[in-house]
């Protein structure tokens, strides 16, 4: 068992943080944290495996995020079968030029 540090919000997880499977195997490091800004939830984590493969871990498969580790709910074998992240997935940010009415009805977002 490693010293994970304190639990932190997923947005504070640093690139390069080790990622551990549910069976306590280090399966790679965090390459990117993918945030669903509209719903304020973790969409997933892009991890770089020891063999150099890039994989996408869906948000529900992330158990906890800590200062020095990320814990998953899936085993190392399951992580090895994960696909790479989808290319060109859009990210959205608030459109500050949109009026209040537009933001009220969900039109206050633009592709970032």
Protein backbone atom coordinates (compact mmCIF):
# COMPACT_ATOMS: atom_id res chain seq x y z
CA UNK A 1 0.00 0.00 0.00
CA UNK A 2 1.32 3.42 -0.93
CA UNK A 3 1.05 6.75 0.87
CA UNK A 4 -1.74 8.34 -1.14
CA UNK A 5 -1.93 11.58 0.79
CA UNK A 6 -5.20 13.37 1.42
CA UNK A 7 -8.28 12.95 -0.75
CA UNK A 8 -8.58 15.84 -3.22
CA UNK A 9 -11.05 17.04 -5.84
CA UNK A 10 -10.45 15.47 -9.24
CA UNK A 11 -9.65 18.85 -10.80
CA UNK A 12 -6.59 19.11 -8.51
CA UNK A 13 -5.03 15.82 -9.68
CA UNK A 14 -1.66 16.54 -11.27
CA UNK A 15 -0.39 15.07 -14.51
CA UNK A 16 1.95 12.17 -13.75
CA UNK A 17 0.05 11.02 -10.65
CA UNK A 18 0.20 7.19 -10.34
CA UNK A 19 -3.03 5.30 -11.08
CA UNK A 20 -3.79 2.08 -9.17
CA UNK A 21 -6.31 -0.63 -10.03
CA UNK A 22 -8.73 -2.17 -7.55
CA UNK A 23 -6.26 -5.05 -7.07
CA UNK A 24 -3.54 -2.54 -6.00
CA UNK A 25 -1.46 -2.70 -9.20
CA UNK A 26 0.05 0.51 -10.59
CA UNK A 27 -1.45 0.61 -14.10
CA UNK A 28 -0.03 3.92 -15.29
CA UNK A 29 0.01 7.65 -14.66
CA UNK A 30 -2.50 10.43 -15.22
CA UNK A 31 -2.03 12.11 -18.58
CA UNK A 32 -5.20 14.23 -18.47
CA UNK A 33 -8.30 14.66 -16.32
CA UNK A 34 -11.42 15.08 -18.47
CA UNK A 35 -14.05 17.27 -16.83
CA UNK A 36 -17.70 17.55 -17.91
CA UNK A 37 -18.00 21.29 -17.30
CA UNK A 38 -21.72 21.48 -17.99
CA UNK A 39 -22.65 18.93 -15.35
CA UNK A 40 -19.71 19.55 -12.98
CA UNK A 41 -18.69 15.87 -12.90
CA UNK A 42 -15.62 13.84 -13.73
CA UNK A 43 -15.96 12.50 -17.27
CA UNK A 44 -12.86 10.33 -17.01
CA UNK A 45 -9.10 10.09 -16.89
CA UNK A 46 -6.67 9.60 -19.76
CA UNK A 47 -3.84 7.46 -18.45
CA UNK A 48 -0.48 6.55 -19.87
CA UNK A 49 0.31 2.90 -19.20
CA UNK A 50 3.80 1.62 -18.45
CA UNK A 51 3.99 0.18 -21.99
CA UNK A 52 3.27 3.65 -23.44
CA UNK A 53 -0.34 2.91 -24.40
CA UNK A 54 -2.86 5.69 -23.83
CA UNK A 55 -6.18 4.55 -22.34
CA UNK A 56 -9.40 6.23 -21.26
CA UNK A 57 -10.87 5.39 -17.84
CA UNK A 58 -14.54 6.39 -17.63
CA UNK A 59 -15.57 8.53 -14.63
CA UNK A 60 -17.59 5.83 -12.80
CA UNK A 61 -14.49 3.59 -12.83
CA UNK A 62 -12.54 6.15 -10.76
CA UNK A 63 -13.03 5.31 -7.08
CA UNK A 64 -11.06 8.14 -5.40
CA UNK A 65 -8.54 10.84 -6.20
CA UNK A 66 -5.74 11.63 -3.78
CA UNK A 67 -2.73 13.96 -3.65
CA UNK A 68 -0.34 11.19 -4.75
CA UNK A 69 -2.58 8.52 -6.28
CA UNK A 70 -5.77 7.75 -8.18
CA UNK A 71 -7.69 4.59 -7.23
CA UNK A 72 -9.89 2.75 -9.74
CA UNK A 73 -12.84 0.40 -9.23
CA UNK A 74 -11.60 -2.01 -11.92
CA UNK A 75 -8.77 -4.58 -11.98
CA UNK A 76 -5.47 -4.31 -13.84
CA UNK A 77 -6.71 -6.86 -16.40
CA UNK A 78 -9.76 -4.69 -17.09
CA UNK A 79 -7.58 -1.57 -17.41
CA UNK A 80 -5.42 -3.35 -20.02
CA UNK A 81 -8.55 -3.83 -22.16
CA UNK A 82 -9.65 -0.18 -22.06
CA UNK A 83 -9.75 1.72 -25.37
CA UNK A 84 -7.77 4.86 -26.16
CA UNK A 85 -9.60 8.17 -25.72
CA UNK A 86 -11.81 9.32 -28.59
CA UNK A 87 -10.10 11.80 -30.88
CA UNK A 88 -11.59 15.22 -31.24
CA UNK A 89 -13.93 15.12 -28.29
CA UNK A 90 -15.24 18.63 -27.83
CA UNK A 91 -14.69 20.71 -24.79
CA UNK A 92 -17.09 23.50 -23.96
CA UNK A 93 -16.73 26.70 -22.01
CA UNK A 94 -19.04 29.50 -21.02
CA UNK A 95 -19.80 32.03 -23.74
CA UNK A 96 -19.47 35.30 -21.86
CA UNK A 97 -20.91 37.25 -24.80
CA UNK A 98 -24.22 35.36 -24.61
CA UNK A 99 -27.01 37.16 -22.84
CA UNK A 100 -28.70 36.04 -19.62
CA UNK A 101 -31.65 34.59 -21.52
CA UNK A 102 -29.36 32.53 -23.74
CA UNK A 103 -27.51 31.16 -20.72
CA UNK A 104 -30.82 30.39 -19.01
CA UNK A 105 -31.89 28.18 -21.92
CA UNK A 106 -28.51 26.49 -22.34
CA UNK A 107 -27.23 28.48 -25.28
CA UNK A 108 -24.49 30.19 -23.32
CA UNK A 109 -21.84 27.59 -24.23
CA UNK A 110 -19.45 27.42 -27.12
CA UNK A 111 -16.96 24.88 -28.30
CA UNK A 112 -13.56 25.69 -26.78
